[in-house]
């Protein structure tokens, strides 16, 4: 199960980066001197990166569910 939790963690980090990029593009956070600040392109990039992060998180959750089912099936076969 450790691998699936690692995938979920990586997806979470990717999502957070996307959120930061999106908020900087919207002028919500970050220094005004940043090239990302108030730049509409970074709103689009941030949303795309968040979608990738959510996809990676979903993959980790599916891996976790599949491993749990596999363990349950093995235990039932042992009985």
C-alpha atoms as a PDB file:
ATOM      1  CA  UNK A   1       0.000   0.000   0.000  1.00  0.00           C
ATOM      2  CA  UNK A   2       2.960   2.317   0.371  1.00  0.00           C
ATOM      3  CA  UNK A   3       3.292   2.824  -3.389  1.00  0.00           C
ATOM      4  CA  UNK A   4      -0.308   3.984  -3.727  1.00  0.00           C
ATOM      5  CA  UNK A   5       0.144   6.477  -0.898  1.00  0.00           C
ATOM      6  CA  UNK A   6       3.275   7.793  -2.606  1.00  0.00           C
ATOM      7  CA  UNK A   7       1.308   8.311  -5.818  1.00  0.00           C
ATOM      8  CA  UNK A   8      -1.396  10.168  -3.870  1.00  0.00           C
ATOM      9  CA  UNK A   9       1.268  12.349  -2.218  1.00  0.00           C
ATOM     10  CA  UNK A  10       2.897  13.203  -5.544  1.00  0.00           C
ATOM     11  CA  UNK A  11      -0.505  14.039  -7.022  1.00  0.00           C
ATOM     12  CA  UNK A  12      -1.238  16.310  -4.073  1.00  0.00           C
ATOM     13  CA  UNK A  13       2.016  18.212  -4.583  1.00  0.00           C
ATOM     14  CA  UNK A  14       1.274  18.603  -8.304  1.00  0.00           C
ATOM     15  CA  UNK A  15      -2.224  19.877  -7.472  1.00  0.00           C
ATOM     16  CA  UNK A  16      -0.849  22.413  -4.971  1.00  0.00           C
ATOM     17  CA  UNK A  17       1.636  23.734  -7.552  1.00  0.00           C
ATOM     18  CA  UNK A  18      -1.200  24.134 -10.039  1.00  0.00           C
ATOM     19  CA  UNK A  19      -3.272  25.983  -7.454  1.00  0.00           C
ATOM     20  CA  UNK A  20      -0.400  28.350  -6.701  1.00  0.00           C
ATOM     21  CA  UNK A  21       0.148  29.045 -10.415  1.00  0.00           C
ATOM     22  CA  UNK A  22      -3.565  29.694 -10.895  1.00  0.00           C
ATOM     23  CA  UNK A  23      -3.764  32.076  -7.942  1.00  0.00           C
ATOM     24  CA  UNK A  24      -0.668  33.966  -9.089  1.00  0.00           C
ATOM     25  CA  UNK A  25      -2.188  34.353 -12.538  1.00  0.00           C
ATOM     26  CA  UNK A  26      -5.314  35.795 -10.907  1.00  0.00           C
ATOM     27  CA  UNK A  27      -3.237  38.268  -8.834  1.00  0.00           C
ATOM     28  CA  UNK A  28      -4.404  36.636  -5.600  1.00  0.00           C
ATOM     29  CA  UNK A  29      -0.968  35.678  -4.235  1.00  0.00           C
ATOM     30  CA  UNK A  30       2.664  36.335  -4.984  1.00  0.00           C
ATOM     31  CA  UNK A  31       4.826  39.384  -5.427  1.00  0.00           C
ATOM     32  CA  UNK A  32       3.698  41.936  -7.979  1.00  0.00           C
ATOM     33  CA  UNK A  33       7.161  41.813  -9.555  1.00  0.00           C
ATOM     34  CA  UNK A  34       6.683  38.154 -10.557  1.00  0.00           C
ATOM     35  CA  UNK A  35       6.300  37.355 -14.260  1.00  0.00           C
ATOM     36  CA  UNK A  36       3.375  35.101 -13.322  1.00  0.00           C
ATOM     37  CA  UNK A  37       1.470  37.801 -11.447  1.00  0.00           C
ATOM     38  CA  UNK A  38      -1.688  38.981 -13.279  1.00  0.00           C
ATOM     39  CA  UNK A  39      -0.798  36.872 -16.329  1.00  0.00           C
ATOM     40  CA  UNK A  40      -3.861  35.075 -17.767  1.00  0.00           C
ATOM     41  CA  UNK A  41      -1.669  32.384 -19.320  1.00  0.00           C
ATOM     42  CA  UNK A  42      -0.741  31.147 -15.849  1.00  0.00           C
ATOM     43  CA  UNK A  43      -4.409  30.756 -14.940  1.00  0.00           C
ATOM     44  CA  UNK A  44      -4.734  28.290 -17.819  1.00  0.00           C
ATOM     45  CA  UNK A  45      -1.466  26.543 -16.964  1.00  0.00           C
ATOM     46  CA  UNK A  46      -2.480  26.268 -13.318  1.00  0.00           C
ATOM     47  CA  UNK A  47      -5.838  24.716 -14.157  1.00  0.00           C
ATOM     48  CA  UNK A  48      -4.144  22.196 -16.442  1.00  0.00           C
ATOM     49  CA  UNK A  49      -1.620  21.287 -13.771  1.00  0.00           C
ATOM     50  CA  UNK A  50      -4.407  20.881 -11.198  1.00  0.00           C
ATOM     51  CA  UNK A  51      -6.213  18.488 -13.557  1.00  0.00           C
ATOM     52  CA  UNK A  52      -3.026  16.432 -13.871  1.00  0.00           C
ATOM     53  CA  UNK A  53      -2.694  16.408 -10.071  1.00  0.00           C
ATOM     54  CA  UNK A  54      -6.277  15.225  -9.623  1.00  0.00           C
ATOM     55  CA  UNK A  55      -5.684  12.492 -12.208  1.00  0.00           C
ATOM     56  CA  UNK A  56      -2.580  11.286 -10.365  1.00  0.00           C
ATOM     57  CA  UNK A  57      -4.455  11.350  -7.038  1.00  0.00           C
ATOM     58  CA  UNK A  58      -7.292   9.346  -8.605  1.00  0.00           C
ATOM     59  CA  UNK A  59      -4.798   6.810  -9.932  1.00  0.00           C
ATOM     60  CA  UNK A  60      -3.326   6.420  -6.454  1.00  0.00           C
ATOM     61  CA  UNK A  61      -6.764   5.898  -4.939  1.00  0.00           C
ATOM     62  CA  UNK A  62      -7.632   3.262  -7.549  1.00  0.00           C
ATOM     63  CA  UNK A  63      -4.328   1.470  -6.897  1.00  0.00           C
ATOM     64  CA  UNK A  64      -5.084   1.490  -3.181  1.00  0.00           C
ATOM     65  CA  UNK A  65      -8.577   0.060  -3.712  1.00  0.00           C
ATOM     66  CA  UNK A  66      -7.253  -2.667  -6.020  1.00  0.00           C
ATOM     67  CA  UNK A  67      -4.605  -3.695  -3.484  1.00  0.00           C
ATOM     68  CA  UNK A  68      -7.164  -3.848  -0.685  1.00  0.00           C
ATOM     69  CA  UNK A  69      -9.420  -6.056  -2.814  1.00  0.00           C
ATOM     70  CA  UNK A  70      -6.503  -8.306  -3.705  1.00  0.00           C
ATOM     71  CA  UNK A  71      -5.585  -8.732  -0.037  1.00  0.00           C
ATOM     72  CA  UNK A  72      -9.208  -9.501   0.887  1.00  0.00           C
ATOM     73  CA  UNK A  73      -9.489 -12.093  -1.891  1.00  0.00           C
ATOM     74  CA  UNK A  74      -6.269 -13.776  -0.775  1.00  0.00           C
ATOM     75  CA  UNK A  75      -7.517 -13.966   2.814  1.00  0.00           C
ATOM     76  CA  UNK A  76     -10.824 -15.479   1.696  1.00  0.00           C
ATOM     77  CA  UNK A  77      -8.998 -18.096  -0.370  1.00  0.00           C
ATOM     78  CA  UNK A  78      -6.877 -19.028   2.649  1.00  0.00           C
ATOM     79  CA  UNK A  79     -10.011 -19.767   4.679  1.00  0.00           C
END
